[in-house]
């Protein structure tokens, strides 16, 4: 990415089911969910929103090699997308095991996301 215009930060949690992908997708949605970039188009080649670059860095506490990168990319509506998975996030305790929600224990998974947008 030649020029970073925006940096957005988010957190995603899977309270039950210990699904790292759920937490990753939620973290990216949290990062981009309250933003609008109306001037972005004016700095892009051909003023085409698909020419922006979006880099997502995820801090994941477990299952780093199992993250569904395509599911994470699917949350981002436009641009040329890159996803980097790093060690991070946190494992906490929900305090309850709900087998009907897929729980195998009372762990909750917390993922942090940094989303860089530019060109």
PDB file of N, CA and C in Angstrom:
ATOM      1  N   UNK A   1       0.858  -1.168   0.000  1.00  0.00           N
ATOM      2  CA  UNK A   1       0.000   0.000   0.000  1.00  0.00           C
ATOM      3  C   UNK A   1       0.906   1.233   0.000  1.00  0.00           C
ATOM      4  N   UNK A   2       0.711   2.080  -0.966  1.00  0.00           N
ATOM      5  CA  UNK A   2       1.535   3.282  -1.099  1.00  0.00           C
ATOM      6  C   UNK A   2       1.171   4.341  -0.049  1.00  0.00           C
ATOM      7  N   UNK A   3      -0.112   4.545   0.182  1.00  0.00           N
ATOM      8  CA  UNK A   3      -0.568   5.595   1.086  1.00  0.00           C
ATOM      9  C   UNK A   3      -1.722   5.069   1.940  1.00  0.00           C
ATOM     10  N   UNK A   4      -1.560   5.105   3.252  1.00  0.00           N
ATOM     11  CA  UNK A   4      -2.631   4.720   4.175  1.00  0.00           C
ATOM     12  C   UNK A   4      -3.443   5.967   4.485  1.00  0.00           C
ATOM     13  N   UNK A   5      -4.749   5.877   4.269  1.00  0.00           N
ATOM     14  CA  UNK A   5      -5.643   7.016   4.507  1.00  0.00           C
ATOM     15  C   UNK A   5      -6.415   6.886   5.825  1.00  0.00           C
ATOM     16  N   UNK A   6      -6.785   5.673   6.173  1.00  0.00           N
ATOM     17  CA  UNK A   6      -7.593   5.421   7.371  1.00  0.00           C
ATOM     18  C   UNK A   6      -7.058   4.195   8.082  1.00  0.00           C
ATOM     19  N   UNK A   7      -7.144   4.204   9.411  1.00  0.00           N
ATOM     20  CA  UNK A   7      -6.861   3.027  10.223  1.00  0.00           C
ATOM     21  C   UNK A   7      -8.059   2.857  11.148  1.00  0.00           C
ATOM     22  N   UNK A   8      -8.666   1.695  11.063  1.00  0.00           N
ATOM     23  CA  UNK A   8      -9.845   1.399  11.868  1.00  0.00           C
ATOM     24  C   UNK A   8      -9.525   0.210  12.765  1.00  0.00           C
ATOM     25  N   UNK A   9     -10.050   0.207  13.987  1.00  0.00           N
ATOM     26  CA  UNK A   9      -9.728  -0.831  14.954  1.00  0.00           C
ATOM     27  C   UNK A   9     -11.011  -1.444  15.479  1.00  0.00           C
ATOM     28  N   UNK A  10     -11.016  -2.773  15.597  1.00  0.00           N
ATOM     29  CA  UNK A  10     -12.211  -3.445  16.078  1.00  0.00           C
ATOM     30  C   UNK A  10     -11.888  -4.650  16.952  1.00  0.00           C
ATOM     31  N   UNK A  11     -12.910  -5.123  17.619  1.00  0.00           N
ATOM     32  CA  UNK A  11     -12.800  -6.303  18.468  1.00  0.00           C
ATOM     33  C   UNK A  11     -13.994  -7.201  18.193  1.00  0.00           C
ATOM     34  N   UNK A  12     -13.739  -8.493  18.133  1.00  0.00           N
ATOM     35  CA  UNK A  12     -14.818  -9.461  17.942  1.00  0.00           C
ATOM     36  C   UNK A  12     -14.697 -10.582  18.956  1.00  0.00           C
ATOM     37  N   UNK A  13     -15.837 -11.052  19.415  1.00  0.00           N
ATOM     38  CA  UNK A  13     -15.860 -12.086  20.451  1.00  0.00           C
ATOM     39  C   UNK A  13     -16.802 -13.212  20.034  1.00  0.00           C
ATOM     40  N   UNK A  14     -16.364 -14.458  20.250  1.00  0.00           N
ATOM     41  CA  UNK A  14     -17.284 -15.582  20.188  1.00  0.00           C
ATOM     42  C   UNK A  14     -17.458 -16.064  21.618  1.00  0.00           C
ATOM     43  N   UNK A  15     -18.618 -15.767  22.178  1.00  0.00           N
ATOM     44  CA  UNK A  15     -18.884 -16.110  23.580  1.00  0.00           C
ATOM     45  C   UNK A  15     -19.099 -17.602  23.790  1.00  0.00           C
ATOM     46  N   UNK A  16     -19.665 -18.262  22.807  1.00  0.00           N
ATOM     47  CA  UNK A  16     -19.970 -19.687  22.932  1.00  0.00           C
ATOM     48  C   UNK A  16     -19.669 -20.393  21.624  1.00  0.00           C
ATOM     49  N   UNK A  17     -19.001 -21.517  21.718  1.00  0.00           N
ATOM     50  CA  UNK A  17     -18.684 -22.310  20.545  1.00  0.00           C
ATOM     51  C   UNK A  17     -17.215 -22.323  20.197  1.00  0.00           C
ATOM     52  N   UNK A  18     -16.448 -21.392  20.776  1.00  0.00           N
ATOM     53  CA  UNK A  18     -15.010 -21.342  20.580  1.00  0.00           C
ATOM     54  C   UNK A  18     -14.641 -21.311  19.093  1.00  0.00           C
ATOM     55  N   UNK A  19     -15.359 -20.499  18.314  1.00  0.00           N
ATOM     56  CA  UNK A  19     -15.150 -20.391  16.870  1.00  0.00           C
ATOM     57  C   UNK A  19     -14.341 -19.138  16.554  1.00  0.00           C
ATOM     58  N   UNK A  20     -13.082 -19.326  16.207  1.00  0.00           N
ATOM     59  CA  UNK A  20     -12.201 -18.192  15.938  1.00  0.00           C
ATOM     60  C   UNK A  20     -12.666 -17.408  14.708  1.00  0.00           C
ATOM     61  N   UNK A  21     -13.256 -18.084  13.723  1.00  0.00           N
ATOM     62  CA  UNK A  21     -13.742 -17.382  12.528  1.00  0.00           C
ATOM     63  C   UNK A  21     -14.865 -16.413  12.868  1.00  0.00           C
ATOM     64  N   UNK A  22     -15.763 -16.815  13.746  1.00  0.00           N
ATOM     65  CA  UNK A  22     -16.842 -15.932  14.178  1.00  0.00           C
ATOM     66  C   UNK A  22     -16.265 -14.678  14.820  1.00  0.00           C
ATOM     67  N   UNK A  23     -15.276 -14.849  15.683  1.00  0.00           N
ATOM     68  CA  UNK A  23     -14.657 -13.705  16.350  1.00  0.00           C
ATOM     69  C   UNK A  23     -13.911 -12.818  15.343  1.00  0.00           C
ATOM     70  N   UNK A  24     -13.249 -13.421  14.353  1.00  0.00           N
ATOM     71  CA  UNK A  24     -12.523 -12.644  13.332  1.00  0.00           C
ATOM     72  C   UNK A  24     -13.476 -11.785  12.511  1.00  0.00           C
ATOM     73  N   UNK A  25     -14.553 -12.384  12.036  1.00  0.00           N
ATOM     74  CA  UNK A  25     -15.530 -11.651  11.230  1.00  0.00           C
ATOM     75  C   UNK A  25     -16.152 -10.523  12.044  1.00  0.00           C
ATOM     76  N   UNK A  26     -16.473 -10.791  13.284  1.00  0.00           N
ATOM     77  CA  UNK A  26     -17.053  -9.756  14.138  1.00  0.00           C
ATOM     78  C   UNK A  26     -16.066  -8.616  14.389  1.00  0.00           C
ATOM     79  N   UNK A  27     -14.791  -8.931  14.528  1.00  0.00           N
ATOM     80  CA  UNK A  27     -13.785  -7.891  14.752  1.00  0.00           C
ATOM     81  C   UNK A  27     -13.684  -6.956  13.551  1.00  0.00           C
ATOM     82  N   UNK A  28     -13.704  -7.524  12.342  1.00  0.00           N
ATOM     83  CA  UNK A  28     -13.620  -6.691  11.137  1.00  0.00           C
ATOM     84  C   UNK A  28     -14.895  -5.875  10.971  1.00  0.00           C
ATOM     85  N   UNK A  29     -16.049  -6.483  11.211  1.00  0.00           N
ATOM     86  CA  UNK A  29     -17.310  -5.721  11.142  1.00  0.00           C
ATOM     87  C   UNK A  29     -17.311  -4.576  12.138  1.00  0.00           C
ATOM     88  N   UNK A  30     -16.782  -4.820  13.327  1.00  0.00           N
ATOM     89  CA  UNK A  30     -16.706  -3.765  14.341  1.00  0.00           C
ATOM     90  C   UNK A  30     -15.808  -2.625  13.865  1.00  0.00           C
ATOM     91  N   UNK A  31     -14.699  -2.975  13.228  1.00  0.00           N
ATOM     92  CA  UNK A  31     -13.757  -1.951  12.762  1.00  0.00           C
ATOM     93  C   UNK A  31     -14.345  -1.081  11.660  1.00  0.00           C
ATOM     94  N   UNK A  32     -15.074  -1.673  10.739  1.00  0.00           N
ATOM     95  CA  UNK A  32     -15.546  -0.907   9.576  1.00  0.00           C
ATOM     96  C   UNK A  32     -17.000  -0.477   9.673  1.00  0.00           C
ATOM     97  N   UNK A  33     -17.694  -0.924  10.686  1.00  0.00           N
ATOM     98  CA  UNK A  33     -19.136  -0.740  10.757  1.00  0.00           C
ATOM     99  C   UNK A  33     -19.651   0.649  11.046  1.00  0.00           C
ATOM    100  N   UNK A  34     -18.793   1.554  11.484  1.00  0.00           N
ATOM    101  CA  UNK A  34     -19.245   2.897  11.851  1.00  0.00           C
ATOM    102  C   UNK A  34     -18.486   3.969  11.068  1.00  0.00           C
ATOM    103  N   UNK A  35     -18.128   3.632   9.840  1.00  0.00           N
ATOM    104  CA  UNK A  35     -17.302   4.541   9.052  1.00  0.00           C
ATOM    105  C   UNK A  35     -17.906   4.766   7.671  1.00  0.00           C
ATOM    106  N   UNK A  36     -17.662   5.947   7.161  1.00  0.00           N
ATOM    107  CA  UNK A  36     -17.980   6.271   5.778  1.00  0.00           C
ATOM    108  C   UNK A  36     -16.786   7.045   5.240  1.00  0.00           C
ATOM    109  N   UNK A  37     -16.399   6.758   4.017  1.00  0.00           N
ATOM    110  CA  UNK A  37     -15.232   7.407   3.425  1.00  0.00           C
ATOM    111  C   UNK A  37     -15.624   8.068   2.108  1.00  0.00           C
ATOM    112  N   UNK A  38     -16.439   9.104   2.154  1.00  0.00           N
ATOM    113  CA  UNK A  38     -16.961   9.698   0.924  1.00  0.00           C
ATOM    114  C   UNK A  38     -15.894  10.309   0.023  1.00  0.00           C
ATOM    115  N   UNK A  39     -14.780  10.727   0.563  1.00  0.00           N
ATOM    116  CA  UNK A  39     -13.735  11.331  -0.250  1.00  0.00           C
ATOM    117  C   UNK A  39     -12.736  10.341  -0.816  1.00  0.00           C
ATOM    118  N   UNK A  40     -12.841   9.094  -0.428  1.00  0.00           N
ATOM    119  CA  UNK A  40     -11.868   8.086  -0.842  1.00  0.00           C
ATOM    120  C   UNK A  40     -11.806   7.932  -2.359  1.00  0.00           C
ATOM    121  N   UNK A  41     -12.949   7.905  -2.974  1.00  0.00           N
ATOM    122  CA  UNK A  41     -13.026   7.702  -4.425  1.00  0.00           C
ATOM    123  C   UNK A  41     -12.192   8.733  -5.193  1.00  0.00           C
ATOM    124  N   UNK A  42     -12.147   9.956  -4.689  1.00  0.00           N
ATOM    125  CA  UNK A  42     -11.470  11.041  -5.406  1.00  0.00           C
ATOM    126  C   UNK A  42      -9.953  10.859  -5.486  1.00  0.00           C
ATOM    127  N   UNK A  43      -9.372  10.020  -4.634  1.00  0.00           N
ATOM    128  CA  UNK A  43      -7.925   9.817  -4.670  1.00  0.00           C
ATOM    129  C   UNK A  43      -7.529   8.503  -5.339  1.00  0.00           C
ATOM    130  N   UNK A  44      -8.513   7.742  -5.779  1.00  0.00           N
ATOM    131  CA  UNK A  44      -8.243   6.431  -6.372  1.00  0.00           C
ATOM    132  C   UNK A  44      -8.111   6.507  -7.888  1.00  0.00           C
ATOM    133  N   UNK A  45      -7.317   5.628  -8.444  1.00  0.00           N
ATOM    134  CA  UNK A  45      -7.183   5.546  -9.895  1.00  0.00           C
ATOM    135  C   UNK A  45      -8.566   5.359 -10.517  1.00  0.00           C
ATOM    136  N   UNK A  46      -8.856   6.166 -11.520  1.00  0.00           N
ATOM    137  CA  UNK A  46     -10.133   6.145 -12.231  1.00  0.00           C
ATOM    138  C   UNK A  46     -11.325   6.386 -11.301  1.00  0.00           C
ATOM    139  N   UNK A  47     -11.067   6.894 -10.102  1.00  0.00           N
ATOM    140  CA  UNK A  47     -12.105   7.109  -9.086  1.00  0.00           C
ATOM    141  C   UNK A  47     -12.952   5.856  -8.863  1.00  0.00           C
ATOM    142  N   UNK A  48     -12.294   4.703  -8.961  1.00  0.00           N
ATOM    143  CA  UNK A  48     -12.954   3.399  -8.820  1.00  0.00           C
ATOM    144  C   UNK A  48     -12.688   2.856  -7.419  1.00  0.00           C
ATOM    145  N   UNK A  49     -13.739   2.669  -6.647  1.00  0.00           N
ATOM    146  CA  UNK A  49     -13.643   2.213  -5.257  1.00  0.00           C
ATOM    147  C   UNK A  49     -12.955   0.850  -5.137  1.00  0.00           C
ATOM    148  N   UNK A  50     -12.996   0.071  -6.232  1.00  0.00           N
ATOM    149  CA  UNK A  50     -12.326  -1.230  -6.210  1.00  0.00           C
ATOM    150  C   UNK A  50     -10.814  -1.110  -6.324  1.00  0.00           C
ATOM    151  N   UNK A  51     -10.298   0.099  -6.576  1.00  0.00           N
ATOM    152  CA  UNK A  51      -8.860   0.323  -6.620  1.00  0.00           C
ATOM    153  C   UNK A  51      -8.268   0.672  -5.260  1.00  0.00           C
ATOM    154  N   UNK A  52      -9.104   0.800  -4.226  1.00  0.00           N
ATOM    155  CA  UNK A  52      -8.536   1.027  -2.900  1.00  0.00           C
ATOM    156  C   UNK A  52      -7.948  -0.289  -2.401  1.00  0.00           C
ATOM    157  N   UNK A  53      -7.016  -0.166  -1.489  1.00  0.00           N
ATOM    158  CA  UNK A  53      -6.393  -1.341  -0.868  1.00  0.00           C
ATOM    159  C   UNK A  53      -6.845  -1.400   0.585  1.00  0.00           C
ATOM    160  N   UNK A  54      -7.123  -2.610   1.018  1.00  0.00           N
ATOM    161  CA  UNK A  54      -7.572  -2.826   2.388  1.00  0.00           C
ATOM    162  C   UNK A  54      -6.719  -3.947   2.987  1.00  0.00           C
ATOM    163  N   UNK A  55      -5.999  -3.609   4.043  1.00  0.00           N
ATOM    164  CA  UNK A  55      -5.189  -4.609   4.740  1.00  0.00           C
ATOM    165  C   UNK A  55      -5.783  -4.833   6.120  1.00  0.00           C
ATOM    166  N   UNK A  56      -6.108  -6.082   6.406  1.00  0.00           N
ATOM    167  CA  UNK A  56      -6.656  -6.467   7.704  1.00  0.00           C
ATOM    168  C   UNK A  56      -5.588  -7.256   8.452  1.00  0.00           C
ATOM    169  N   UNK A  57      -5.270  -6.813   9.666  1.00  0.00           N
ATOM    170  CA  UNK A  57      -4.385  -7.573  10.537  1.00  0.00           C
ATOM    171  C   UNK A  57      -5.200  -8.042  11.720  1.00  0.00           C
ATOM    172  N   UNK A  58      -5.200  -9.344  11.948  1.00  0.00           N
ATOM    173  CA  UNK A  58      -5.984  -9.946  13.020  1.00  0.00           C
ATOM    174  C   UNK A  58      -5.060 -10.468  14.114  1.00  0.00           C
ATOM    175  N   UNK A  59      -5.357 -10.132  15.360  1.00  0.00           N
ATOM    176  CA  UNK A  59      -4.677 -10.707  16.513  1.00  0.00           C
ATOM    177  C   UNK A  59      -5.545 -11.823  17.047  1.00  0.00           C
ATOM    178  N   UNK A  60      -5.076 -13.066  16.875  1.00  0.00           N
ATOM    179  CA  UNK A  60      -5.881 -14.261  17.148  1.00  0.00           C
ATOM    180  C   UNK A  60      -5.187 -15.096  18.226  1.00  0.00           C
ATOM    181  N   UNK A  61      -5.913 -15.505  19.285  1.00  0.00           N
ATOM    182  CA  UNK A  61      -5.265 -16.234  20.376  1.00  0.00           C
ATOM    183  C   UNK A  61      -5.053 -17.729  20.120  1.00  0.00           C
ATOM    184  N   UNK A  62      -5.870 -18.332  19.279  1.00  0.00           N
ATOM    185  CA  UNK A  62      -5.760 -19.769  18.977  1.00  0.00           C
ATOM    186  C   UNK A  62      -6.164 -20.010  17.525  1.00  0.00           C
ATOM    187  N   UNK A  63      -5.697 -21.089  16.960  1.00  0.00           N
ATOM    188  CA  UNK A  63      -6.122 -21.474  15.624  1.00  0.00           C
ATOM    189  C   UNK A  63      -5.703 -20.524  14.530  1.00  0.00           C
ATOM    190  N   UNK A  64      -4.537 -19.889  14.684  1.00  0.00           N
ATOM    191  CA  UNK A  64      -4.088 -18.911  13.697  1.00  0.00           C
ATOM    192  C   UNK A  64      -4.035 -19.503  12.291  1.00  0.00           C
ATOM    193  N   UNK A  65      -3.615 -20.750  12.185  1.00  0.00           N
ATOM    194  CA  UNK A  65      -3.479 -21.391  10.873  1.00  0.00           C
ATOM    195  C   UNK A  65      -4.809 -21.895  10.327  1.00  0.00           C
ATOM    196  N   UNK A  66      -5.868 -21.740  11.089  1.00  0.00           N
ATOM    197  CA  UNK A  66      -7.185 -22.231  10.668  1.00  0.00           C
ATOM    198  C   UNK A  66      -8.171 -21.117  10.335  1.00  0.00           C
ATOM    199  N   UNK A  67      -7.746 -19.856  10.399  1.00  0.00           N
ATOM    200  CA  UNK A  67      -8.649 -18.738  10.136  1.00  0.00           C
ATOM    201  C   UNK A  67      -9.117 -18.789   8.676  1.00  0.00           C
ATOM    202  N   UNK A  68     -10.412 -18.649   8.488  1.00  0.00           N
ATOM    203  CA  UNK A  68     -10.999 -18.617   7.142  1.00  0.00           C
ATOM    204  C   UNK A  68     -10.808 -17.213   6.573  1.00  0.00           C
ATOM    205  N   UNK A  69      -9.695 -17.019   5.901  1.00  0.00           N
ATOM    206  CA  UNK A  69      -9.327 -15.716   5.362  1.00  0.00           C
ATOM    207  C   UNK A  69     -10.365 -15.229   4.353  1.00  0.00           C
ATOM    208  N   UNK A  70     -10.932 -16.123   3.576  1.00  0.00           N
ATOM    209  CA  UNK A  70     -11.944 -15.720   2.586  1.00  0.00           C
ATOM    210  C   UNK A  70     -13.200 -15.203   3.264  1.00  0.00           C
ATOM    211  N   UNK A  71     -13.580 -15.779   4.398  1.00  0.00           N
ATOM    212  CA  UNK A  71     -14.741 -15.274   5.146  1.00  0.00           C
ATOM    213  C   UNK A  71     -14.460 -13.864   5.663  1.00  0.00           C
ATOM    214  N   UNK A  72     -13.245 -13.622   6.114  1.00  0.00           N
ATOM    215  CA  UNK A  72     -12.865 -12.285   6.591  1.00  0.00           C
ATOM    216  C   UNK A  72     -12.897 -11.303   5.427  1.00  0.00           C
ATOM    217  N   UNK A  73     -12.339 -11.675   4.291  1.00  0.00           N
ATOM    218  CA  UNK A  73     -12.357 -10.803   3.112  1.00  0.00           C
ATOM    219  C   UNK A  73     -13.790 -10.500   2.681  1.00  0.00           C
ATOM    220  N   UNK A  74     -14.684 -11.451   2.873  1.00  0.00           N
ATOM    221  CA  UNK A  74     -16.077 -11.281   2.483  1.00  0.00           C
ATOM    222  C   UNK A  74     -16.805 -10.184   3.236  1.00  0.00           C
ATOM    223  N   UNK A  75     -16.289  -9.785   4.388  1.00  0.00           N
ATOM    224  CA  UNK A  75     -16.891  -8.714   5.184  1.00  0.00           C
ATOM    225  C   UNK A  75     -16.596  -7.349   4.575  1.00  0.00           C
ATOM    226  N   UNK A  76     -15.509  -7.258   3.842  1.00  0.00           N
ATOM    227  CA  UNK A  76     -15.055  -5.984   3.270  1.00  0.00           C
ATOM    228  C   UNK A  76     -15.709  -5.820   1.900  1.00  0.00           C
ATOM    229  N   UNK A  77     -16.529  -4.780   1.716  1.00  0.00           N
ATOM    230  CA  UNK A  77     -17.337  -4.697   0.496  1.00  0.00           C
ATOM    231  C   UNK A  77     -16.582  -4.316  -0.774  1.00  0.00           C
ATOM    232  N   UNK A  78     -15.472  -3.592  -0.668  1.00  0.00           N
ATOM    233  CA  UNK A  78     -14.776  -3.097  -1.861  1.00  0.00           C
ATOM    234  C   UNK A  78     -13.269  -3.196  -1.666  1.00  0.00           C
ATOM    235  N   UNK A  79     -12.561  -3.136  -2.783  1.00  0.00           N
ATOM    236  CA  UNK A  79     -11.121  -2.993  -2.732  1.00  0.00           C
ATOM    237  C   UNK A  79     -10.350  -4.276  -2.931  1.00  0.00           C
ATOM    238  N   UNK A  80      -9.045  -4.099  -2.989  1.00  0.00           N
ATOM    239  CA  UNK A  80      -8.094  -5.199  -3.085  1.00  0.00           C
ATOM    240  C   UNK A  80      -7.711  -5.561  -1.656  1.00  0.00           C
ATOM    241  N   UNK A  81      -8.019  -6.776  -1.256  1.00  0.00           N
ATOM    242  CA  UNK A  81      -7.986  -7.151   0.153  1.00  0.00           C
ATOM    243  C   UNK A  81      -6.803  -8.052   0.484  1.00  0.00           C
ATOM    244  N   UNK A  82      -6.226  -7.789   1.651  1.00  0.00           N
ATOM    245  CA  UNK A  82      -5.147  -8.616   2.186  1.00  0.00           C
ATOM    246  C   UNK A  82      -5.463  -8.877   3.651  1.00  0.00           C
ATOM    247  N   UNK A  83      -5.268 -10.120   4.085  1.00  0.00           N
ATOM    248  CA  UNK A  83      -5.503 -10.476   5.482  1.00  0.00           C
ATOM    249  C   UNK A  83      -4.231 -11.102   6.046  1.00  0.00           C
ATOM    250  N   UNK A  84      -3.777 -10.563   7.183  1.00  0.00           N
ATOM    251  CA  UNK A  84      -2.611 -11.077   7.884  1.00  0.00           C
ATOM    252  C   UNK A  84      -3.081 -11.534   9.263  1.00  0.00           C
ATOM    253  N   UNK A  85      -2.719 -12.750   9.628  1.00  0.00           N
ATOM    254  CA  UNK A  85      -3.109 -13.298  10.927  1.00  0.00           C
ATOM    255  C   UNK A  85      -1.863 -13.368  11.808  1.00  0.00           C
ATOM    256  N   UNK A  86      -1.963 -12.764  12.997  1.00  0.00           N
ATOM    257  CA  UNK A  86      -0.845 -12.757  13.937  1.00  0.00           C
ATOM    258  C   UNK A  86      -1.315 -13.282  15.291  1.00  0.00           C
ATOM    259  N   UNK A  87      -0.341 -13.607  16.133  1.00  0.00           N
ATOM    260  CA  UNK A  87      -0.658 -13.999  17.500  1.00  0.00           C
ATOM    261  C   UNK A  87      -1.167 -12.782  18.251  1.00  0.00           C
ATOM    262  N   UNK A  88      -2.249 -12.930  18.982  1.00  0.00           N
ATOM    263  CA  UNK A  88      -2.804 -11.818  19.745  1.00  0.00           C
ATOM    264  C   UNK A  88      -4.143 -12.189  20.328  1.00  0.00           C
ATOM    265  N   UNK A  89      -4.962 -11.197  20.575  1.00  0.00           N
ATOM    266  CA  UNK A  89      -6.282 -11.449  21.135  1.00  0.00           C
ATOM    267  C   UNK A  89      -6.207 -11.981  22.553  1.00  0.00           C
ATOM    268  N   UNK A  90      -7.226 -12.738  22.903  1.00  0.00           N
ATOM    269  CA  UNK A  90      -7.296 -13.223  24.276  1.00  0.00           C
ATOM    270  C   UNK A  90      -8.297 -14.373  24.374  1.00  0.00           C
ATOM    271  N   UNK A  91      -8.061 -15.242  25.325  1.00  0.00           N
ATOM    272  CA  UNK A  91      -9.037 -16.264  25.701  1.00  0.00           C
ATOM    273  C   UNK A  91      -9.492 -15.927  27.108  1.00  0.00           C
ATOM    274  N   UNK A  92     -10.805 -15.839  27.284  1.00  0.00           N
ATOM    275  CA  UNK A  92     -11.364 -15.564  28.600  1.00  0.00           C
ATOM    276  C   UNK A  92     -12.351 -16.660  28.968  1.00  0.00           C
ATOM    277  N   UNK A  93     -13.074 -16.440  30.007  1.00  0.00           N
ATOM    278  CA  UNK A  93     -14.077 -17.409  30.476  1.00  0.00           C
ATOM    279  C   UNK A  93     -15.460 -16.780  30.422  1.00  0.00           C
ATOM    280  N   UNK A  94     -16.399 -17.499  29.831  1.00  0.00           N
ATOM    281  CA  UNK A  94     -17.775 -17.012  29.774  1.00  0.00           C
ATOM    282  C   UNK A  94     -18.524 -17.322  31.069  1.00  0.00           C
ATOM    283  N   UNK A  95     -18.026 -18.290  31.820  1.00  0.00           N
ATOM    284  CA  UNK A  95     -18.651 -18.644  33.084  1.00  0.00           C
ATOM    285  C   UNK A  95     -19.741 -19.690  32.973  1.00  0.00           C
ATOM    286  N   UNK A  96     -20.016 -20.121  31.733  1.00  0.00           N
ATOM    287  CA  UNK A  96     -21.063 -21.121  31.556  1.00  0.00           C
ATOM    288  C   UNK A  96     -20.767 -21.932  30.289  1.00  0.00           C
ATOM    289  N   UNK A  97     -21.095 -23.208  30.319  1.00  0.00           N
ATOM    290  CA  UNK A  97     -20.966 -24.076  29.146  1.00  0.00           C
ATOM    291  C   UNK A  97     -22.363 -24.325  28.601  1.00  0.00           C
ATOM    292  N   UNK A  98     -22.570 -23.962  27.337  1.00  0.00           N
ATOM    293  CA  UNK A  98     -23.868 -24.153  26.680  1.00  0.00           C
ATOM    294  C   UNK A  98     -23.678 -25.113  25.502  1.00  0.00           C
ATOM    295  N   UNK A  99     -23.882 -26.393  25.731  1.00  0.00           N
ATOM    296  CA  UNK A  99     -23.675 -27.369  24.661  1.00  0.00           C
ATOM    297  C   UNK A  99     -24.523 -27.096  23.413  1.00  0.00           C
ATOM    298  N   UNK A 100     -25.731 -26.550  23.600  1.00  0.00           N
ATOM    299  CA  UNK A 100     -26.586 -26.263  22.445  1.00  0.00           C
ATOM    300  C   UNK A 100     -26.036 -25.132  21.585  1.00  0.00           C
ATOM    301  N   UNK A 101     -25.065 -24.377  22.096  1.00  0.00           N
ATOM    302  CA  UNK A 101     -24.400 -23.307  21.336  1.00  0.00           C
ATOM    303  C   UNK A 101     -23.052 -23.780  20.789  1.00  0.00           C
ATOM    304  N   UNK A 102     -22.752 -25.069  20.969  1.00  0.00           N
ATOM    305  CA  UNK A 102     -21.505 -25.618  20.456  1.00  0.00           C
ATOM    306  C   UNK A 102     -20.351 -25.586  21.436  1.00  0.00           C
ATOM    307  N   UNK A 103     -20.597 -25.171  22.677  1.00  0.00           N
ATOM    308  CA  UNK A 103     -19.518 -25.090  23.660  1.00  0.00           C
ATOM    309  C   UNK A 103     -18.941 -26.465  23.966  1.00  0.00           C
ATOM    310  N   UNK A 104     -17.614 -26.529  24.017  1.00  0.00           N
ATOM    311  CA  UNK A 104     -16.922 -27.706  24.528  1.00  0.00           C
ATOM    312  C   UNK A 104     -16.291 -27.381  25.882  1.00  0.00           C
ATOM    313  N   UNK A 105     -16.256 -26.079  26.204  1.00  0.00           N
ATOM    314  CA  UNK A 105     -15.781 -25.587  27.494  1.00  0.00           C
ATOM    315  C   UNK A 105     -16.345 -24.178  27.678  1.00  0.00           C
ATOM    316  N   UNK A 106     -15.905 -23.476  28.696  1.00  0.00           N
ATOM    317  CA  UNK A 106     -16.445 -22.119  28.915  1.00  0.00           C
ATOM    318  C   UNK A 106     -15.501 -21.022  28.398  1.00  0.00           C
ATOM    319  N   UNK A 107     -14.600 -21.379  27.474  1.00  0.00           N
ATOM    320  CA  UNK A 107     -13.724 -20.370  26.874  1.00  0.00           C
ATOM    321  C   UNK A 107     -14.514 -19.437  25.965  1.00  0.00           C
ATOM    322  N   UNK A 108     -14.118 -18.165  25.969  1.00  0.00           N
ATOM    323  CA  UNK A 108     -14.590 -17.230  24.964  1.00  0.00           C
ATOM    324  C   UNK A 108     -13.359 -16.731  24.218  1.00  0.00           C
ATOM    325  N   UNK A 109     -13.528 -16.486  22.944  1.00  0.00           N
ATOM    326  CA  UNK A 109     -12.425 -16.108  22.071  1.00  0.00           C
ATOM    327  C   UNK A 109     -12.557 -14.623  21.715  1.00  0.00           C
ATOM    328  N   UNK A 110     -11.503 -13.856  21.935  1.00  0.00           N
ATOM    329  CA  UNK A 110     -11.480 -12.437  21.594  1.00  0.00           C
ATOM    330  C   UNK A 110     -10.411 -12.209  20.521  1.00  0.00           C
ATOM    331  N   UNK A 111     -10.814 -11.570  19.426  1.00  0.00           N
ATOM    332  CA  UNK A 111      -9.908 -11.247  18.328  1.00  0.00           C
ATOM    333  C   UNK A 111      -9.893  -9.734  18.143  1.00  0.00           C
ATOM    334  N   UNK A 112      -8.717  -9.184  17.912  1.00  0.00           N
ATOM    335  CA  UNK A 112      -8.577  -7.763  17.601  1.00  0.00           C
ATOM    336  C   UNK A 112      -8.269  -7.617  16.116  1.00  0.00           C
ATOM    337  N   UNK A 113      -8.798  -6.544  15.511  1.00  0.00           N
ATOM    338  CA  UNK A 113      -8.566  -6.277  14.094  1.00  0.00           C
ATOM    339  C   UNK A 113      -8.069  -4.856  13.909  1.00  0.00           C
ATOM    340  N   UNK A 114      -7.099  -4.713  13.036  1.00  0.00           N
ATOM    341  CA  UNK A 114      -6.681  -3.401  12.534  1.00  0.00           C
ATOM    342  C   UNK A 114      -6.948  -3.428  11.038  1.00  0.00           C
ATOM    343  N   UNK A 115      -7.712  -2.467  10.557  1.00  0.00           N
ATOM    344  CA  UNK A 115      -8.030  -2.373   9.139  1.00  0.00           C
ATOM    345  C   UNK A 115      -7.421  -1.087   8.592  1.00  0.00           C
ATOM    346  N   UNK A 116      -6.486  -1.246   7.672  1.00  0.00           N
ATOM    347  CA  UNK A 116      -5.854  -0.101   7.019  1.00  0.00           C
ATOM    348  C   UNK A 116      -6.470   0.056   5.636  1.00  0.00           C
ATOM    349  N   UNK A 117      -6.844   1.281   5.291  1.00  0.00           N
ATOM    350  CA  UNK A 117      -7.456   1.568   3.998  1.00  0.00           C
ATOM    351  C   UNK A 117      -6.638   2.653   3.313  1.00  0.00           C
ATOM    352  N   UNK A 118      -6.338   2.418   2.074  1.00  0.00           N
ATOM    353  CA  UNK A 118      -5.566   3.401   1.317  1.00  0.00           C
ATOM    354  C   UNK A 118      -5.500   3.035  -0.144  1.00  0.00           C
ATOM    355  N   UNK A 119      -4.385   3.386  -0.766  1.00  0.00           N
ATOM    356  CA  UNK A 119      -4.203   3.077  -2.185  1.00  0.00           C
ATOM    357  C   UNK A 119      -2.746   2.797  -2.477  1.00  0.00           C
TER     358      UNK A 119
END
